[in-house]
Protein backbone atom coordinates (compact mmCIF):
# COMPACT_ATOMS: atom_id res chain seq x y z
CA MET A 1 -7.04 -71.41 -36.60
CA HIS A 2 -4.98 -68.67 -34.93
CA LEU A 3 -1.51 -67.86 -36.22
CA ARG A 4 0.73 -66.02 -33.76
CA PHE A 5 3.93 -64.31 -34.91
CA ASP A 6 6.18 -62.57 -32.38
CA ILE A 7 7.80 -59.62 -34.14
CA GLY A 8 10.47 -59.04 -31.49
CA ALA A 9 11.69 -62.65 -31.45
CA SER A 10 11.76 -62.98 -35.24
CA SER A 11 14.86 -62.85 -37.43
CA LEU A 12 13.54 -59.94 -39.50
CA PRO A 13 15.74 -56.84 -39.96
CA GLU A 14 15.36 -54.20 -37.25
CA ALA A 15 14.00 -51.60 -39.67
CA LEU A 16 11.27 -53.98 -40.81
CA LYS A 17 10.43 -54.87 -37.20
CA ALA A 18 10.03 -51.18 -36.39
CA ARG A 19 7.73 -50.63 -39.39
CA LEU A 20 5.65 -53.69 -38.46
CA LEU A 21 5.26 -52.45 -34.89
CA ALA A 22 4.34 -48.97 -36.15
CA LEU A 23 1.56 -50.31 -38.37
CA ARG A 24 -1.91 -49.20 -37.37
CA ASP A 25 -3.28 -52.72 -37.65
CA GLN A 26 -5.65 -54.34 -35.19
CA ARG A 27 -3.90 -57.68 -35.67
CA VAL A 28 -0.70 -56.36 -34.05
CA SER A 29 -1.05 -56.46 -30.26
CA ALA A 30 0.56 -54.02 -27.81
CA ASP A 31 3.31 -56.51 -26.92
CA GLY A 32 4.34 -56.96 -30.57
CA VAL A 33 2.57 -60.19 -31.50
CA VAL A 34 0.68 -60.52 -34.78
CA VAL A 35 -2.44 -62.66 -34.37
CA ILE A 36 -4.14 -63.79 -37.57
CA LYS A 37 -7.39 -65.72 -37.33
CA ALA A 38 -8.18 -67.92 -40.33
CA GLN A 39 -11.52 -69.71 -40.65
CA ARG A 40 -12.50 -69.26 -44.29
CA HIS A 41 -12.07 -72.93 -45.16
CA ARG A 42 -13.30 -76.13 -43.58
CA SER A 43 -9.91 -77.82 -43.41
CA LEU A 44 -7.08 -76.91 -41.07
CA GLU A 45 -4.46 -77.14 -43.82
CA LEU A 46 -6.23 -74.59 -46.03
CA ASN A 47 -6.78 -72.26 -43.09
CA ARG A 48 -3.10 -72.56 -42.15
CA ALA A 49 -2.04 -71.75 -45.72
CA ASP A 50 -4.47 -68.80 -45.78
CA ALA A 51 -3.10 -67.43 -42.50
CA LEU A 52 0.50 -67.76 -43.69
CA ALA A 53 -0.37 -66.00 -46.96
CA ARG A 54 -1.95 -63.12 -45.03
CA LEU A 55 1.13 -62.92 -42.78
CA HIS A 56 3.38 -62.77 -45.85
CA GLU A 57 1.19 -60.01 -47.31
CA LEU A 58 1.37 -58.02 -44.05
CA ILE A 59 5.17 -58.31 -43.95
CA ALA A 60 5.47 -57.40 -47.63
CA ARG A 61 3.31 -54.31 -47.06
CA ALA A 62 5.53 -53.25 -44.16
CA ALA A 63 8.69 -53.93 -46.19
CA GLU A 64 7.83 -51.21 -48.71
CA VAL A 65 9.85 -48.16 -47.74
CA PRO A 66 7.71 -45.04 -48.17
CA LYS A 67 9.06 -42.49 -50.60
CA PRO A 68 10.13 -39.34 -48.74
CA ARG A 69 8.03 -36.29 -49.45
CA ARG A 70 9.79 -33.34 -51.02
CA PRO A 71 8.37 -30.02 -49.86
CA THR A 72 7.28 -27.85 -52.76
CA ARG A 73 6.23 -24.23 -53.03
CA PRO A 74 3.27 -22.90 -54.99
CA THR A 75 4.14 -21.23 -58.26
CA ARG A 76 3.80 -17.48 -58.66
CA ALA A 77 1.01 -17.95 -61.21
CA SER A 78 -0.98 -20.19 -58.86
CA GLN A 79 -0.59 -17.65 -56.05
CA ARG A 80 -1.82 -14.88 -58.38
CA ARG A 81 -4.83 -16.97 -59.48
CA ARG A 82 -5.71 -17.65 -55.85
CA VAL A 83 -5.59 -13.97 -54.92
CA GLU A 84 -7.59 -12.97 -58.02
CA GLY A 85 -10.24 -15.51 -57.11
CA LYS A 86 -10.43 -14.12 -53.58
CA VAL A 87 -10.78 -10.57 -54.88
CA GLN A 88 -13.53 -11.65 -57.27
CA ARG A 89 -15.36 -13.45 -54.49
CA GLY A 90 -15.08 -10.36 -52.27
CA GLN A 91 -16.60 -8.19 -55.01
CA ILE A 92 -19.53 -10.58 -55.36
CA LYS A 93 -20.10 -10.47 -51.60
CA ALA A 94 -19.86 -6.67 -51.56
CA LEU A 95 -22.79 -6.51 -54.00
CA ARG A 96 -25.03 -8.39 -51.55
CA GLY A 97 -25.72 -5.29 -49.44
CA ARG A 98 -28.97 -3.35 -49.31
CA VAL A 99 -29.99 -1.40 -52.36
CA GLY A 100 -29.80 2.36 -51.63
CA THR A 101 -32.29 5.05 -52.74
CA GLU A 102 -29.55 7.12 -54.31
């Protein structure tokens, strides 16, 4: 059973339509149609219910508004630890040279 859902012709809010179209999902075609293939069960009714449940899950996943990221800066202590680690690593590498006869 194939379930086809045209995102553009639906009565969903425009923001939700845009998020559905922006999904990186192979079930959403280039012209904005969601195609869900259901063949888990032997009966058409169960396959239809399965396809509708998967469509509802896809729409619910797109309905979640992502939380905006707040840019943060590294703390002064973390910057100092990073530089100290680099200095320590440089000292270890400096000891790898040839042993002199001095």
